Amino acid sequence: MPHNNNLAQAIAAEHEHPRRTAIKQIAGLLGLALSAHSLDVLAASNTNSRKLTTKLLSAEELQMTGEIAELIIPATDTPGALAADVHSFIDQFLAECVSKYEQEEFKNGLKRINTVAEDNFHKTFLACTHKQQVQLLTAVEKKEMGFTQDDKDFFRHLKSYTLFGYYTSEAGASQELAFLPVPGGYQGNFPFAKIGKAWSLN
């Protein structure tokens, strides 16, 4: 019986390897360095359905992260960041894959956006209109409306986390990106117009 358990574990590990590889490749493209433990955590998080409970962020912070992520990757003819549950992914990523300092910096970044929203529109980011939310995030990029370089750095990290979470999700990997479990043979000099999408790594 122990032999059978070991065999099952080996098969499971072999099956998981392509997902770990894909996550590592996407992380590299986004400039994120991940430990072996982080890869295991994220591979599991993208295989299983995530619960609505938070691991690090408060309920309001999670909702705000989701709204910002949706502005970064909105729903079009394919699901957006909210539908892909990217905000829950970011919550888990922050809880298990970054330092305490980076966790606090992320929370402070959200607070800064809320502070500027209160100063300029007299309401929180979540209470702002879509146009006001876009104006705030544009101001972060341009370091306007009181935003600083630190705020811009925070937003850059949030965008990286959003892209990482989205393109390692089922929706991002199978609907936004083209995907074939077993790709066909090599065809050189193929017109990109006939492809239409970049290819998923997992």
N, C-alpha and C. Protein backbone atom coordinates (compact mmCIF):
# COMPACT_ATOMS: atom_id res chain seq x y z
N MET A 1 0.82 -1.22 0.00
CA MET A 1 0.00 0.00 0.00
C MET A 1 0.85 1.27 0.00
N PRO A 2 1.96 1.35 0.86
CA PRO A 2 2.83 2.53 0.81
C PRO A 2 3.42 2.75 -0.57
N HIS A 3 3.72 1.62 -1.25
CA HIS A 3 4.29 1.74 -2.60
C HIS A 3 3.29 2.44 -3.52
N ASN A 4 2.02 2.08 -3.41
CA ASN A 4 0.98 2.69 -4.23
C ASN A 4 0.84 4.18 -3.93
N ASN A 5 0.95 4.55 -2.64
CA ASN A 5 0.89 5.96 -2.25
C ASN A 5 2.03 6.75 -2.87
N ASN A 6 3.23 6.16 -2.82
CA ASN A 6 4.39 6.83 -3.40
C ASN A 6 4.23 7.00 -4.91
N LEU A 7 3.66 5.98 -5.54
CA LEU A 7 3.44 6.05 -6.99
C LEU A 7 2.44 7.15 -7.31
N ALA A 8 1.37 7.25 -6.50
CA ALA A 8 0.37 8.29 -6.72
C ALA A 8 0.97 9.67 -6.55
N GLN A 9 1.84 9.81 -5.54
CA GLN A 9 2.49 11.11 -5.30
C GLN A 9 3.40 11.46 -6.47
N ALA A 10 4.10 10.47 -6.99
CA ALA A 10 5.01 10.72 -8.10
C ALA A 10 4.25 11.15 -9.34
N ILE A 11 3.10 10.48 -9.58
CA ILE A 11 2.28 10.85 -10.73
C ILE A 11 1.76 12.26 -10.58
N ALA A 12 1.31 12.59 -9.36
CA ALA A 12 0.79 13.94 -9.10
C ALA A 12 1.87 14.98 -9.29
N ALA A 13 3.08 14.69 -8.83
CA ALA A 13 4.19 15.65 -8.97
C ALA A 13 4.54 15.85 -10.43
N GLU A 14 4.52 14.76 -11.20
CA GLU A 14 4.83 14.86 -12.63
C GLU A 14 3.77 15.69 -13.34
N HIS A 15 2.50 15.52 -12.93
CA HIS A 15 1.41 16.27 -13.54
C HIS A 15 1.50 17.76 -13.20
N GLU A 16 2.01 18.07 -12.00
CA GLU A 16 2.05 19.45 -11.55
C GLU A 16 3.20 20.22 -12.17
N HIS A 17 4.23 19.53 -12.62
CA HIS A 17 5.44 20.19 -13.09
C HIS A 17 5.20 21.22 -14.19
N PRO A 18 4.41 20.93 -15.23
CA PRO A 18 4.18 21.94 -16.27
C PRO A 18 3.56 23.22 -15.72
N ARG A 19 2.66 23.12 -14.74
CA ARG A 19 2.05 24.32 -14.16
C ARG A 19 3.10 25.14 -13.41
N ARG A 20 3.94 24.46 -12.64
CA ARG A 20 5.02 25.16 -11.94
C ARG A 20 5.94 25.87 -12.94
N THR A 21 6.25 25.17 -14.02
CA THR A 21 7.12 25.76 -15.05
C THR A 21 6.48 27.00 -15.66
N ALA A 22 5.19 26.91 -15.97
CA ALA A 22 4.49 28.05 -16.57
C ALA A 22 4.47 29.24 -15.63
N ILE A 23 4.18 28.98 -14.36
CA ILE A 23 4.16 30.06 -13.36
C ILE A 23 5.54 30.70 -13.25
N LYS A 24 6.58 29.88 -13.23
CA LYS A 24 7.95 30.40 -13.13
C LYS A 24 8.29 31.26 -14.34
N GLN A 25 7.87 30.82 -15.53
CA GLN A 25 8.17 31.58 -16.75
C GLN A 25 7.44 32.92 -16.75
N ILE A 26 6.17 32.92 -16.37
CA ILE A 26 5.40 34.17 -16.34
C ILE A 26 5.95 35.10 -15.27
N ALA A 27 6.31 34.54 -14.12
CA ALA A 27 6.90 35.36 -13.06
C ALA A 27 8.18 36.02 -13.55
N GLY A 28 9.00 35.27 -14.29
CA GLY A 28 10.24 35.83 -14.82
C GLY A 28 9.99 36.98 -15.77
N LEU A 29 8.98 36.84 -16.60
CA LEU A 29 8.63 37.91 -17.54
C LEU A 29 8.20 39.18 -16.82
N LEU A 30 7.57 39.02 -15.64
CA LEU A 30 7.08 40.16 -14.87
C LEU A 30 8.10 40.65 -13.84
N GLY A 31 9.27 40.02 -13.81
CA GLY A 31 10.31 40.46 -12.88
C GLY A 31 10.07 40.01 -11.45
N LEU A 32 9.32 38.91 -11.26
CA LEU A 32 9.05 38.42 -9.91
C LEU A 32 9.92 37.20 -9.64
N ALA A 33 10.63 37.22 -8.52
CA ALA A 33 11.47 36.10 -8.12
C ALA A 33 10.70 35.25 -7.12
N LEU A 34 10.53 33.95 -7.42
CA LEU A 34 9.73 33.08 -6.57
C LEU A 34 10.57 31.92 -6.07
N SER A 35 10.39 31.59 -4.79
CA SER A 35 11.05 30.43 -4.21
C SER A 35 10.30 29.16 -4.61
N ALA A 36 10.90 28.01 -4.34
CA ALA A 36 10.24 26.74 -4.64
C ALA A 36 8.93 26.63 -3.86
N HIS A 37 8.94 27.09 -2.59
CA HIS A 37 7.72 27.07 -1.78
C HIS A 37 6.64 27.94 -2.42
N SER A 38 7.02 29.11 -2.90
CA SER A 38 6.06 30.01 -3.52
C SER A 38 5.45 29.38 -4.77
N LEU A 39 6.27 28.70 -5.55
CA LEU A 39 5.78 28.03 -6.75
C LEU A 39 4.75 26.96 -6.39
N ASP A 40 5.02 26.22 -5.32
CA ASP A 40 4.08 25.19 -4.89
C ASP A 40 2.76 25.81 -4.45
N VAL A 41 2.84 26.89 -3.68
CA VAL A 41 1.64 27.57 -3.19
C VAL A 41 0.80 28.08 -4.36
N LEU A 42 1.45 28.73 -5.31
CA LEU A 42 0.73 29.34 -6.42
C LEU A 42 0.21 28.29 -7.40
N ALA A 43 0.95 27.22 -7.59
CA ALA A 43 0.46 26.15 -8.45
C ALA A 43 -0.81 25.55 -7.87
N ALA A 44 -0.83 25.36 -6.56
CA ALA A 44 -2.01 24.82 -5.90
C ALA A 44 -3.16 25.80 -5.96
N SER A 45 -2.87 27.09 -5.78
CA SER A 45 -3.94 28.09 -5.74
C SER A 45 -4.62 28.24 -7.09
N ASN A 46 -3.93 27.95 -8.17
CA ASN A 46 -4.52 28.07 -9.48
C ASN A 46 -5.18 26.78 -9.94
N THR A 47 -4.98 25.71 -9.19
CA THR A 47 -5.62 24.45 -9.51
C THR A 47 -6.96 24.33 -8.81
N ASN A 48 -7.02 24.86 -7.58
CA ASN A 48 -8.22 24.72 -6.75
C ASN A 48 -9.02 26.00 -6.74
N SER A 49 -10.32 25.88 -6.47
CA SER A 49 -11.17 27.05 -6.35
C SER A 49 -10.80 27.80 -5.07
N ARG A 50 -10.70 29.11 -5.16
CA ARG A 50 -10.36 29.91 -3.99
C ARG A 50 -11.61 30.30 -3.23
N LYS A 51 -11.51 30.36 -1.91
CA LYS A 51 -12.63 30.77 -1.08
C LYS A 51 -12.65 32.29 -0.99
N LEU A 52 -13.77 32.84 -0.53
CA LEU A 52 -13.91 34.28 -0.45
C LEU A 52 -13.25 34.86 0.79
N THR A 53 -12.86 34.02 1.75
CA THR A 53 -12.21 34.51 2.95
C THR A 53 -10.82 35.04 2.59
N THR A 54 -10.38 36.08 3.33
CA THR A 54 -9.09 36.69 3.02
C THR A 54 -8.00 36.10 3.91
N LYS A 55 -6.76 36.20 3.43
CA LYS A 55 -5.62 35.70 4.19
C LYS A 55 -4.81 36.84 4.79
N LEU A 56 -4.79 37.98 4.12
CA LEU A 56 -4.01 39.12 4.59
C LEU A 56 -4.83 40.40 4.55
N LEU A 57 -5.46 40.67 3.43
CA LEU A 57 -6.18 41.92 3.24
C LEU A 57 -7.52 41.91 3.99
N SER A 58 -7.97 43.10 4.38
CA SER A 58 -9.31 43.22 4.94
C SER A 58 -10.32 43.08 3.80
N ALA A 59 -11.59 42.93 4.16
CA ALA A 59 -12.63 42.78 3.13
C ALA A 59 -12.65 44.00 2.21
N GLU A 60 -12.49 45.20 2.79
CA GLU A 60 -12.49 46.42 1.98
C GLU A 60 -11.26 46.49 1.09
N GLU A 61 -10.10 46.11 1.64
CA GLU A 61 -8.87 46.12 0.85
C GLU A 61 -8.95 45.11 -0.30
N LEU A 62 -9.56 43.96 -0.02
CA LEU A 62 -9.71 42.95 -1.07
C LEU A 62 -10.62 43.46 -2.17
N GLN A 63 -11.72 44.11 -1.80
CA GLN A 63 -12.65 44.65 -2.79
C GLN A 63 -11.99 45.75 -3.61
N MET A 64 -11.21 46.59 -2.94
CA MET A 64 -10.51 47.68 -3.64
C MET A 64 -9.48 47.11 -4.61
N THR A 65 -8.76 46.09 -4.17
CA THR A 65 -7.78 45.44 -5.04
C THR A 65 -8.47 44.85 -6.26
N GLY A 66 -9.65 44.26 -6.05
CA GLY A 66 -10.41 43.70 -7.17
C GLY A 66 -10.85 44.75 -8.16
N GLU A 67 -11.31 45.91 -7.65
CA GLU A 67 -11.77 46.99 -8.53
C GLU A 67 -10.61 47.54 -9.35
N ILE A 68 -9.45 47.70 -8.71
CA ILE A 68 -8.27 48.21 -9.45
C ILE A 68 -7.82 47.18 -10.48
N ALA A 69 -7.80 45.91 -10.09
CA ALA A 69 -7.40 44.86 -11.03
C ALA A 69 -8.34 44.82 -12.24
N GLU A 70 -9.63 45.04 -12.01
CA GLU A 70 -10.59 45.03 -13.12
C GLU A 70 -10.37 46.23 -14.04
N LEU A 71 -9.92 47.35 -13.50
CA LEU A 71 -9.59 48.50 -14.34
C LEU A 71 -8.33 48.22 -15.17
N ILE A 72 -7.44 47.41 -14.63
CA ILE A 72 -6.22 47.03 -15.36
C ILE A 72 -6.55 46.02 -16.47
N ILE A 73 -7.35 45.01 -16.12
CA ILE A 73 -7.79 44.01 -17.11
C ILE A 73 -9.31 43.93 -17.05
N PRO A 74 -9.99 44.80 -17.80
CA PRO A 74 -11.46 44.79 -17.77
C PRO A 74 -12.04 43.65 -18.60
N ALA A 75 -13.28 43.31 -18.29
CA ALA A 75 -13.98 42.29 -19.07
C ALA A 75 -14.30 42.85 -20.45
N THR A 76 -14.01 42.08 -21.48
CA THR A 76 -14.37 42.45 -22.87
C THR A 76 -15.13 41.26 -23.45
N ASP A 77 -14.61 40.68 -24.53
CA ASP A 77 -15.19 39.44 -25.02
C ASP A 77 -14.62 38.24 -24.28
N THR A 78 -13.67 38.51 -23.38
CA THR A 78 -13.11 37.50 -22.49
C THR A 78 -13.27 37.99 -21.05
N PRO A 79 -13.23 37.10 -20.06
CA PRO A 79 -13.40 37.52 -18.66
C PRO A 79 -12.34 38.51 -18.21
N GLY A 80 -12.73 39.41 -17.31
CA GLY A 80 -11.79 40.37 -16.74
C GLY A 80 -11.15 39.82 -15.47
N ALA A 81 -10.40 40.69 -14.78
CA ALA A 81 -9.68 40.28 -13.59
C ALA A 81 -10.60 39.83 -12.47
N LEU A 82 -11.75 40.49 -12.31
CA LEU A 82 -12.69 40.11 -11.26
C LEU A 82 -13.23 38.71 -11.50
N ALA A 83 -13.61 38.41 -12.72
CA ALA A 83 -14.16 37.10 -13.04
C ALA A 83 -13.11 36.00 -12.82
N ALA A 84 -11.84 36.35 -13.02
CA ALA A 84 -10.75 35.40 -12.80
C ALA A 84 -10.32 35.33 -11.35
N ASP A 85 -10.99 36.10 -10.47
CA ASP A 85 -10.71 36.09 -9.03
C ASP A 85 -9.26 36.49 -8.73
N VAL A 86 -8.76 37.44 -9.51
CA VAL A 86 -7.37 37.86 -9.36
C VAL A 86 -7.12 38.49 -7.99
N HIS A 87 -8.10 39.20 -7.44
CA HIS A 87 -7.92 39.84 -6.15
C HIS A 87 -7.66 38.82 -5.05
N SER A 88 -8.33 37.66 -5.11
CA SER A 88 -8.07 36.60 -4.12
C SER A 88 -6.68 36.00 -4.32
N PHE A 89 -6.28 35.89 -5.58
CA PHE A 89 -4.92 35.42 -5.88
C PHE A 89 -3.89 36.36 -5.26
N ILE A 90 -4.09 37.68 -5.44
CA ILE A 90 -3.15 38.66 -4.90
C ILE A 90 -3.11 38.57 -3.38
N ASP A 91 -4.27 38.41 -2.76
CA ASP A 91 -4.33 38.27 -1.30
C ASP A 91 -3.50 37.07 -0.85
N GLN A 92 -3.63 35.94 -1.52
CA GLN A 92 -2.87 34.75 -1.16
C GLN A 92 -1.39 34.94 -1.46
N PHE A 93 -1.10 35.55 -2.60
CA PHE A 93 0.31 35.81 -2.96
C PHE A 93 0.99 36.66 -1.91
N LEU A 94 0.32 37.74 -1.48
CA LEU A 94 0.89 38.63 -0.47
C LEU A 94 1.06 37.92 0.86
N ALA A 95 0.10 37.08 1.21
CA ALA A 95 0.13 36.40 2.51
C ALA A 95 1.25 35.37 2.59
N GLU A 96 1.59 34.73 1.46
CA GLU A 96 2.48 33.58 1.51
C GLU A 96 3.78 33.71 0.73
N CYS A 97 3.90 34.76 -0.09
CA CYS A 97 5.06 34.80 -0.98
C CYS A 97 5.89 36.08 -0.91
N VAL A 98 5.53 37.03 -0.07
CA VAL A 98 6.33 38.26 0.05
C VAL A 98 6.65 38.54 1.51
N SER A 99 7.54 39.48 1.74
CA SER A 99 7.97 39.81 3.10
C SER A 99 6.92 40.65 3.82
N LYS A 100 7.06 40.75 5.15
CA LYS A 100 6.17 41.59 5.95
C LYS A 100 6.25 43.04 5.49
N TYR A 101 7.44 43.48 5.14
CA TYR A 101 7.61 44.85 4.66
C TYR A 101 6.81 45.09 3.38
N GLU A 102 6.90 44.14 2.44
CA GLU A 102 6.15 44.28 1.19
C GLU A 102 4.65 44.22 1.42
N GLN A 103 4.23 43.42 2.39
CA GLN A 103 2.81 43.37 2.74
C GLN A 103 2.32 44.74 3.22
N GLU A 104 3.10 45.36 4.10
CA GLU A 104 2.73 46.67 4.63
C GLU A 104 2.77 47.74 3.54
N GLU A 105 3.75 47.64 2.64
CA GLU A 105 3.83 48.59 1.54
C GLU A 105 2.60 48.50 0.64
N PHE A 106 2.13 47.29 0.43
CA PHE A 106 0.93 47.12 -0.40
C PHE A 106 -0.28 47.75 0.29
N LYS A 107 -0.45 47.47 1.55
CA LYS A 107 -1.58 48.04 2.30
C LYS A 107 -1.48 49.56 2.33
N ASN A 108 -0.28 50.08 2.52
CA ASN A 108 -0.09 51.53 2.53
C ASN A 108 -0.40 52.15 1.17
N GLY A 109 -0.09 51.42 0.10
CA GLY A 109 -0.40 51.90 -1.25
C GLY A 109 -1.89 52.07 -1.46
N LEU A 110 -2.66 51.10 -0.96
CA LEU A 110 -4.12 51.21 -1.04
C LEU A 110 -4.63 52.39 -0.22
N LYS A 111 -4.04 52.57 0.97
CA LYS A 111 -4.44 53.69 1.84
C LYS A 111 -4.16 55.03 1.16
N ARG A 112 -3.02 55.10 0.48
CA ARG A 112 -2.66 56.36 -0.19
C ARG A 112 -3.67 56.71 -1.27
N ILE A 113 -4.12 55.73 -2.03
CA ILE A 113 -5.11 55.99 -3.07
C ILE A 113 -6.41 56.47 -2.43
N ASN A 114 -6.80 55.85 -1.33
CA ASN A 114 -8.00 56.28 -0.62
C ASN A 114 -7.86 57.70 -0.09
N THR A 115 -6.68 58.03 0.44
CA THR A 115 -6.44 59.38 0.98
C THR A 115 -6.57 60.43 -0.11
N VAL A 116 -5.96 60.18 -1.27
CA VAL A 116 -6.03 61.13 -2.38
C VAL A 116 -7.47 61.22 -2.91
N ALA A 117 -8.18 60.09 -2.92
CA ALA A 117 -9.58 60.11 -3.34
C ALA A 117 -10.41 60.97 -2.39
N GLU A 118 -10.17 60.83 -1.10
CA GLU A 118 -10.89 61.64 -0.11
C GLU A 118 -10.56 63.12 -0.27
N ASP A 119 -9.28 63.44 -0.51
CA ASP A 119 -8.85 64.83 -0.65
C ASP A 119 -9.45 65.49 -1.89
N ASN A 120 -9.60 64.73 -2.96
CA ASN A 120 -10.03 65.32 -4.22
C ASN A 120 -11.52 65.13 -4.51
N PHE A 121 -12.09 64.01 -4.06
CA PHE A 121 -13.50 63.73 -4.39
C PHE A 121 -14.37 63.55 -3.15
N HIS A 122 -13.75 63.65 -1.96
CA HIS A 122 -14.47 63.56 -0.69
C HIS A 122 -15.19 62.23 -0.51
N LYS A 123 -14.59 61.17 -1.02
CA LYS A 123 -15.12 59.83 -0.84
C LYS A 123 -14.01 58.82 -1.11
N THR A 124 -14.24 57.59 -0.67
CA THR A 124 -13.23 56.56 -0.87
C THR A 124 -13.14 56.15 -2.33
N PHE A 125 -12.08 55.42 -2.65
CA PHE A 125 -11.89 54.96 -4.03
C PHE A 125 -13.08 54.12 -4.49
N LEU A 126 -13.57 53.23 -3.63
CA LEU A 126 -14.68 52.36 -4.00
C LEU A 126 -15.97 53.14 -4.25
N ALA A 127 -16.11 54.29 -3.59
CA ALA A 127 -17.32 55.11 -3.76
C ALA A 127 -17.22 56.03 -4.97
N CYS A 128 -16.03 56.14 -5.54
CA CYS A 128 -15.84 57.02 -6.69
C CYS A 128 -16.51 56.44 -7.94
N THR A 129 -16.81 57.31 -8.88
CA THR A 129 -17.33 56.86 -10.16
C THR A 129 -16.21 56.19 -10.95
N HIS A 130 -16.59 55.47 -12.00
CA HIS A 130 -15.59 54.82 -12.85
C HIS A 130 -14.61 55.85 -13.41
N LYS A 131 -15.12 56.99 -13.85
CA LYS A 131 -14.27 58.03 -14.41
C LYS A 131 -13.29 58.56 -13.37
N GLN A 132 -13.76 58.75 -12.14
CA GLN A 132 -12.88 59.23 -11.07
C GLN A 132 -11.82 58.19 -10.71
N GLN A 133 -12.19 56.91 -10.70
CA GLN A 133 -11.23 55.86 -10.41
C GLN A 133 -10.12 55.82 -11.46
N VAL A 134 -10.52 55.94 -12.73
CA VAL A 134 -9.52 55.97 -13.81
C VAL A 134 -8.62 57.19 -13.66
N GLN A 135 -9.22 58.32 -13.29
CA GLN A 135 -8.44 59.55 -13.09
C GLN A 135 -7.41 59.37 -11.99
N LEU A 136 -7.80 58.70 -10.91
CA LEU A 136 -6.89 58.47 -9.79
C LEU A 136 -5.72 57.57 -10.20
N LEU A 137 -6.01 56.49 -10.90
CA LEU A 137 -4.95 55.56 -11.30
C LEU A 137 -4.03 56.18 -12.35
N THR A 138 -4.61 57.02 -13.21
CA THR A 138 -3.78 57.74 -14.18
C THR A 138 -2.86 58.71 -13.47
N ALA A 139 -3.38 59.34 -12.41
CA ALA A 139 -2.58 60.28 -11.62
C ALA A 139 -1.45 59.56 -10.90
N VAL A 140 -1.69 58.33 -10.46
CA VAL A 140 -0.62 57.55 -9.82
C VAL A 140 0.52 57.35 -10.82
N GLU A 141 0.17 56.97 -12.04
CA GLU A 141 1.17 56.75 -13.09
C GLU A 141 1.98 58.00 -13.38
N LYS A 142 1.30 59.16 -13.35
CA LYS A 142 1.96 60.41 -13.72
C LYS A 142 2.48 61.19 -12.52
N LYS A 143 2.30 60.62 -11.33
CA LYS A 143 2.72 61.28 -10.08
C LYS A 143 2.07 62.66 -9.95
N GLU A 144 0.76 62.69 -10.18
CA GLU A 144 -0.02 63.92 -10.06
C GLU A 144 -0.99 63.78 -8.89
N MET A 145 -1.72 64.85 -8.58
CA MET A 145 -2.73 64.87 -7.53
C MET A 145 -2.14 64.50 -6.16
N GLY A 146 -0.87 64.72 -5.98
CA GLY A 146 -0.23 64.42 -4.70
C GLY A 146 0.43 63.07 -4.62
N PHE A 147 0.32 62.26 -5.66
CA PHE A 147 0.97 60.95 -5.65
C PHE A 147 2.48 61.10 -5.86
N THR A 148 3.24 60.16 -5.28
CA THR A 148 4.70 60.22 -5.32
C THR A 148 5.26 59.03 -6.09
N GLN A 149 6.59 58.99 -6.17
CA GLN A 149 7.26 57.87 -6.82
C GLN A 149 6.96 56.56 -6.08
N ASP A 150 6.89 56.62 -4.75
CA ASP A 150 6.55 55.43 -3.97
C ASP A 150 5.18 54.90 -4.37
N ASP A 151 4.22 55.81 -4.60
CA ASP A 151 2.88 55.39 -5.02
C ASP A 151 2.94 54.74 -6.40
N LYS A 152 3.74 55.30 -7.28
CA LYS A 152 3.89 54.75 -8.62
C LYS A 152 4.52 53.36 -8.56
N ASP A 153 5.50 53.18 -7.67
CA ASP A 153 6.14 51.87 -7.50
C ASP A 153 5.14 50.84 -6.99
N PHE A 154 4.30 51.26 -6.04
CA PHE A 154 3.25 50.37 -5.55
C PHE A 154 2.32 49.93 -6.68
N PHE A 155 1.91 50.88 -7.51
CA PHE A 155 0.99 50.56 -8.60
C PHE A 155 1.64 49.64 -9.62
N ARG A 156 2.94 49.83 -9.83
CA ARG A 156 3.66 48.95 -10.75
C ARG A 156 3.64 47.51 -10.23
N HIS A 157 3.83 47.34 -8.92
CA HIS A 157 3.78 46.00 -8.34
C HIS A 157 2.36 45.42 -8.44
N LEU A 158 1.37 46.25 -8.18
CA LEU A 158 -0.02 45.78 -8.27
C LEU A 158 -0.35 45.32 -9.69
N LYS A 159 0.13 46.06 -10.68
CA LYS A 159 -0.11 45.65 -12.07
C LYS A 159 0.58 44.32 -12.37
N SER A 160 1.79 44.14 -11.85
CA SER A 160 2.51 42.88 -12.07
C SER A 160 1.76 41.72 -11.44
N TYR A 161 1.29 41.93 -10.19
CA TYR A 161 0.54 40.88 -9.51
C TYR A 161 -0.74 40.55 -10.28
N THR A 162 -1.39 41.58 -10.80
CA THR A 162 -2.63 41.39 -11.54
C THR A 162 -2.41 40.57 -12.80
N LEU A 163 -1.39 40.93 -13.56
CA LEU A 163 -1.07 40.19 -14.79
C LEU A 163 -0.68 38.76 -14.47
N PHE A 164 0.13 38.61 -13.43
CA PHE A 164 0.58 37.28 -13.02
C PHE A 164 -0.61 36.42 -12.62
N GLY A 165 -1.48 36.97 -11.78
CA GLY A 165 -2.65 36.22 -11.33
C GLY A 165 -3.60 35.89 -12.46
N TYR A 166 -3.77 36.84 -13.36
CA TYR A 166 -4.72 36.63 -14.46
C TYR A 166 -4.25 35.57 -15.44
N TYR A 167 -3.00 35.67 -15.86
CA TYR A 167 -2.52 34.76 -16.90
C TYR A 167 -2.11 33.39 -16.37
N THR A 168 -2.17 33.18 -15.06
CA THR A 168 -2.01 31.84 -14.52
C THR A 168 -3.35 31.29 -14.04
N SER A 169 -4.43 32.04 -14.24
CA SER A 169 -5.77 31.56 -13.91
C SER A 169 -6.33 30.75 -15.08
N GLU A 170 -7.38 30.00 -14.82
CA GLU A 170 -7.98 29.21 -15.89
C GLU A 170 -8.53 30.11 -16.99
N ALA A 171 -9.20 31.21 -16.59
CA ALA A 171 -9.78 32.12 -17.58
C ALA A 171 -8.70 32.77 -18.44
N GLY A 172 -7.65 33.27 -17.79
CA GLY A 172 -6.59 33.94 -18.53
C GLY A 172 -5.82 33.00 -19.44
N ALA A 173 -5.56 31.79 -18.95
CA ALA A 173 -4.73 30.85 -19.71
C ALA A 173 -5.50 30.16 -20.83
N SER A 174 -6.82 30.00 -20.66
CA SER A 174 -7.56 29.23 -21.65
C SER A 174 -8.48 30.06 -22.54
N GLN A 175 -8.84 31.29 -22.09
CA GLN A 175 -9.75 32.12 -22.87
C GLN A 175 -9.07 33.36 -23.44
N GLU A 176 -8.29 34.05 -22.63
CA GLU A 176 -7.58 35.23 -23.12
C GLU A 176 -6.42 34.82 -24.02
N LEU A 177 -5.68 33.79 -23.59
CA LEU A 177 -4.60 33.25 -24.40
C LEU A 177 -5.11 32.05 -25.18
N ALA A 178 -4.52 31.80 -26.34
CA ALA A 178 -4.84 30.58 -27.07
C ALA A 178 -4.12 29.42 -26.40
N PHE A 179 -4.73 28.25 -26.40
CA PHE A 179 -4.15 27.11 -25.69
C PHE A 179 -4.42 25.81 -26.41
N LEU A 180 -3.39 25.01 -26.60
CA LEU A 180 -3.54 23.66 -27.11
C LEU A 180 -2.81 22.71 -26.16
N PRO A 181 -3.51 21.71 -25.59
CA PRO A 181 -2.83 20.76 -24.70
C PRO A 181 -1.65 20.07 -25.38
N VAL A 182 -1.82 19.72 -26.67
CA VAL A 182 -0.74 19.11 -27.44
C VAL A 182 -0.58 19.92 -28.71
N PRO A 183 0.37 20.87 -28.76
CA PRO A 183 0.53 21.73 -29.95
C PRO A 183 0.90 20.90 -31.18
N GLY A 184 0.56 21.45 -32.34
CA GLY A 184 0.89 20.78 -33.60
C GLY A 184 2.36 20.96 -33.96
N GLY A 185 2.70 20.53 -35.15
CA GLY A 185 4.08 20.62 -35.59
C GLY A 185 4.52 22.05 -35.85
N TYR A 186 5.81 22.25 -35.96
CA TYR A 186 6.37 23.58 -36.17
C TYR A 186 6.06 24.07 -37.58
N GLN A 187 5.62 25.33 -37.67
CA GLN A 187 5.39 25.97 -38.96
C GLN A 187 6.08 27.34 -38.94
N GLY A 188 7.15 27.47 -39.66
CA GLY A 188 7.90 28.71 -39.68
C GLY A 188 7.26 29.76 -40.58
N ASN A 189 7.61 31.02 -40.34
CA ASN A 189 7.15 32.13 -41.18
C ASN A 189 5.63 32.13 -41.35
N PHE A 190 4.92 32.03 -40.21
CA PHE A 190 3.45 31.95 -40.24
C PHE A 190 2.87 33.33 -39.96
N PRO A 191 1.96 33.86 -40.80
CA PRO A 191 1.41 35.21 -40.59
C PRO A 191 0.71 35.33 -39.23
N PHE A 192 1.11 36.34 -38.45
CA PHE A 192 0.52 36.51 -37.11
C PHE A 192 -0.98 36.77 -37.19
N ALA A 193 -1.45 37.40 -38.26
CA ALA A 193 -2.88 37.71 -38.40
C ALA A 193 -3.73 36.45 -38.37
N LYS A 194 -3.14 35.31 -38.78
CA LYS A 194 -3.89 34.06 -38.78
C LYS A 194 -3.88 33.39 -37.41
N ILE A 195 -3.03 33.88 -36.49
CA ILE A 195 -2.94 33.30 -35.15
C ILE A 195 -3.92 34.02 -34.23
N GLY A 196 -3.80 35.34 -34.15
CA GLY A 196 -4.77 36.16 -33.40
C GLY A 196 -4.49 36.32 -31.93
N LYS A 197 -3.78 35.36 -31.32
CA LYS A 197 -3.50 35.46 -29.89
C LYS A 197 -2.10 34.93 -29.61
N ALA A 198 -1.50 35.42 -28.51
CA ALA A 198 -0.29 34.80 -28.00
C ALA A 198 -0.68 33.47 -27.37
N TRP A 199 0.29 32.62 -27.11
CA TRP A 199 -0.03 31.27 -26.62
C TRP A 199 0.23 31.14 -25.14
N SER A 200 -0.65 30.43 -24.47
CA SER A 200 -0.53 30.15 -23.04
C SER A 200 0.63 29.20 -22.82
N LEU A 201 1.31 29.37 -21.64
CA LEU A 201 2.47 28.55 -21.33
C LEU A 201 2.11 27.28 -20.59
N ASN A 202 0.90 27.22 -19.97
CA ASN A 202 0.58 26.03 -19.17
C ASN A 202 -0.31 25.06 -19.90
